Amino acid sequence: MIKSACFLMKKAAASSVSLIVMGTLLVLISQFINLNTAVPAIFSYAGFISIFVGLLIMLITTIVIMMPKISRQLEQCQH
């Protein structure tokens, strides 16, 4: 159980950061696309959704870490 908790926390943090970075890049790309189509809007919406989901994962991970049982298990993780 301890190994899986450590593994899940590492995966949650990595996926959260990658979603936030990907979302930021999509929003920046959408700002430079100068077309009269829906492509910039799609990139922008996808970027904002990615940023929101990344922040949501980070928030959930932070809340889970504060739980006493999980916190005790994570103290035994080897980094």
C-alpha atoms as a PDB file:
ATOM      1  CA  MET A   1       0.000   0.000   0.000  1.00  0.00           C
ATOM      2  CA  ILE A   2       2.800   2.410   0.877  1.00  0.00           C
ATOM      3  CA  LYS A   3       4.556   1.931  -2.414  1.00  0.00           C
ATOM      4  CA  SER A   4       1.365   2.522  -4.378  1.00  0.00           C
ATOM      5  CA  ALA A   5       0.520   5.680  -2.400  1.00  0.00           C
ATOM      6  CA  CYS A   6       3.956   7.116  -3.136  1.00  0.00           C
ATOM      7  CA  PHE A   7       3.669   6.134  -6.783  1.00  0.00           C
ATOM      8  CA  LEU A   8       0.211   7.709  -7.115  1.00  0.00           C
ATOM      9  CA  MET A   9       1.316  10.978  -5.512  1.00  0.00           C
ATOM     10  CA  LYS A  10       4.301  11.213  -7.853  1.00  0.00           C
ATOM     11  CA  LYS A  11       2.087  10.492 -10.867  1.00  0.00           C
ATOM     12  CA  ALA A  12      -0.521  13.025  -9.739  1.00  0.00           C
ATOM     13  CA  ALA A  13       2.085  15.755  -9.343  1.00  0.00           C
ATOM     14  CA  ALA A  14       3.715  14.978 -12.688  1.00  0.00           C
ATOM     15  CA  SER A  15       0.426  14.854 -14.579  1.00  0.00           C
ATOM     16  CA  SER A  16      -0.755  18.058 -12.931  1.00  0.00           C
ATOM     17  CA  VAL A  17       2.351  19.971 -13.931  1.00  0.00           C
ATOM     18  CA  SER A  18       2.305  18.580 -17.468  1.00  0.00           C
ATOM     19  CA  LEU A  19      -1.357  19.539 -17.921  1.00  0.00           C
ATOM     20  CA  ILE A  20      -0.711  23.071 -16.685  1.00  0.00           C
ATOM     21  CA  VAL A  21       2.290  23.475 -19.016  1.00  0.00           C
ATOM     22  CA  MET A  22       0.404  22.000 -21.973  1.00  0.00           C
ATOM     23  CA  GLY A  23      -2.570  24.264 -21.287  1.00  0.00           C
ATOM     24  CA  THR A  24      -0.353  27.325 -21.093  1.00  0.00           C
ATOM     25  CA  LEU A  25       1.292  26.430 -24.391  1.00  0.00           C
ATOM     26  CA  LEU A  26      -2.080  25.900 -26.068  1.00  0.00           C
ATOM     27  CA  VAL A  27      -3.349  29.266 -24.878  1.00  0.00           C
ATOM     28  CA  LEU A  28      -0.167  30.990 -26.068  1.00  0.00           C
ATOM     29  CA  ILE A  29      -0.381  29.271 -29.453  1.00  0.00           C
ATOM     30  CA  SER A  30      -4.012  30.295 -29.799  1.00  0.00           C
ATOM     31  CA  GLN A  31      -3.008  33.929 -29.287  1.00  0.00           C
ATOM     32  CA  PHE A  32      -0.642  33.816 -32.248  1.00  0.00           C
ATOM     33  CA  ILE A  33      -2.911  31.947 -34.666  1.00  0.00           C
ATOM     34  CA  ASN A  34      -4.468  34.565 -36.887  1.00  0.00           C
ATOM     35  CA  LEU A  35      -7.177  32.712 -38.771  1.00  0.00           C
ATOM     36  CA  ASN A  36     -10.822  33.431 -39.384  1.00  0.00           C
ATOM     37  CA  THR A  37     -11.785  29.920 -38.345  1.00  0.00           C
ATOM     38  CA  ALA A  38     -12.627  28.293 -35.051  1.00  0.00           C
ATOM     39  CA  VAL A  39      -9.106  26.881 -34.598  1.00  0.00           C
ATOM     40  CA  PRO A  40      -7.845  29.611 -32.206  1.00  0.00           C
ATOM     41  CA  ALA A  41     -10.966  29.266 -30.072  1.00  0.00           C
ATOM     42  CA  ILE A  42     -10.606  25.481 -29.921  1.00  0.00           C
ATOM     43  CA  PHE A  43      -6.947  25.803 -28.891  1.00  0.00           C
ATOM     44  CA  SER A  44      -7.863  28.398 -26.295  1.00  0.00           C
ATOM     45  CA  TYR A  45     -10.690  26.326 -24.802  1.00  0.00           C
ATOM     46  CA  ALA A  46      -8.539  23.190 -24.757  1.00  0.00           C
ATOM     47  CA  GLY A  47      -5.780  25.166 -23.039  1.00  0.00           C
ATOM     48  CA  PHE A  48      -8.050  26.558 -20.360  1.00  0.00           C
ATOM     49  CA  ILE A  49      -9.576  23.125 -19.746  1.00  0.00           C
ATOM     50  CA  SER A  50      -6.085  21.609 -19.413  1.00  0.00           C
ATOM     51  CA  ILE A  51      -5.031  24.297 -16.953  1.00  0.00           C
ATOM     52  CA  PHE A  52      -8.231  23.843 -14.932  1.00  0.00           C
ATOM     53  CA  VAL A  53      -7.892  20.037 -14.800  1.00  0.00           C
ATOM     54  CA  GLY A  54      -4.205  20.343 -13.825  1.00  0.00           C
ATOM     55  CA  LEU A  55      -5.061  22.702 -10.982  1.00  0.00           C
ATOM     56  CA  LEU A  56      -7.936  20.449  -9.910  1.00  0.00           C
ATOM     57  CA  ILE A  57      -5.608  17.428  -9.736  1.00  0.00           C
ATOM     58  CA  MET A  58      -3.118  19.477  -7.709  1.00  0.00           C
ATOM     59  CA  LEU A  59      -5.865  20.615  -5.322  1.00  0.00           C
ATOM     60  CA  ILE A  60      -7.186  17.082  -4.828  1.00  0.00           C
ATOM     61  CA  THR A  61      -3.643  15.801  -4.258  1.00  0.00           C
ATOM     62  CA  THR A  62      -3.038  18.509  -1.661  1.00  0.00           C
ATOM     63  CA  ILE A  63      -6.276  17.677   0.160  1.00  0.00           C
ATOM     64  CA  VAL A  64      -5.501  13.949   0.139  1.00  0.00           C
ATOM     65  CA  ILE A  65      -2.005  14.557   1.526  1.00  0.00           C
ATOM     66  CA  MET A  66      -3.540  16.375   4.508  1.00  0.00           C
ATOM     67  CA  MET A  67      -5.488  13.279   5.597  1.00  0.00           C
ATOM     68  CA  PRO A  68      -3.755  11.736   8.626  1.00  0.00           C
ATOM     69  CA  LYS A  69      -3.759   8.126   7.403  1.00  0.00           C
ATOM     70  CA  ILE A  70      -2.356   9.013   3.991  1.00  0.00           C
ATOM     71  CA  SER A  71       0.129  11.442   5.516  1.00  0.00           C
ATOM     72  CA  ARG A  72       1.563   8.715   7.754  1.00  0.00           C
ATOM     73  CA  GLN A  73       1.920   6.389   4.773  1.00  0.00           C
ATOM     74  CA  LEU A  74       3.645   9.050   2.712  1.00  0.00           C
ATOM     75  CA  GLU A  75       6.162   9.760   5.484  1.00  0.00           C
ATOM     76  CA  GLN A  76       7.607   6.309   4.837  1.00  0.00           C
ATOM     77  CA  CYS A  77       8.233   6.994   1.134  1.00  0.00           C
ATOM     78  CA  GLN A  78      11.799   6.837  -0.087  1.00  0.00           C
ATOM     79  CA  HIS A  79      12.600   9.677  -2.486  1.00  0.00           C
END
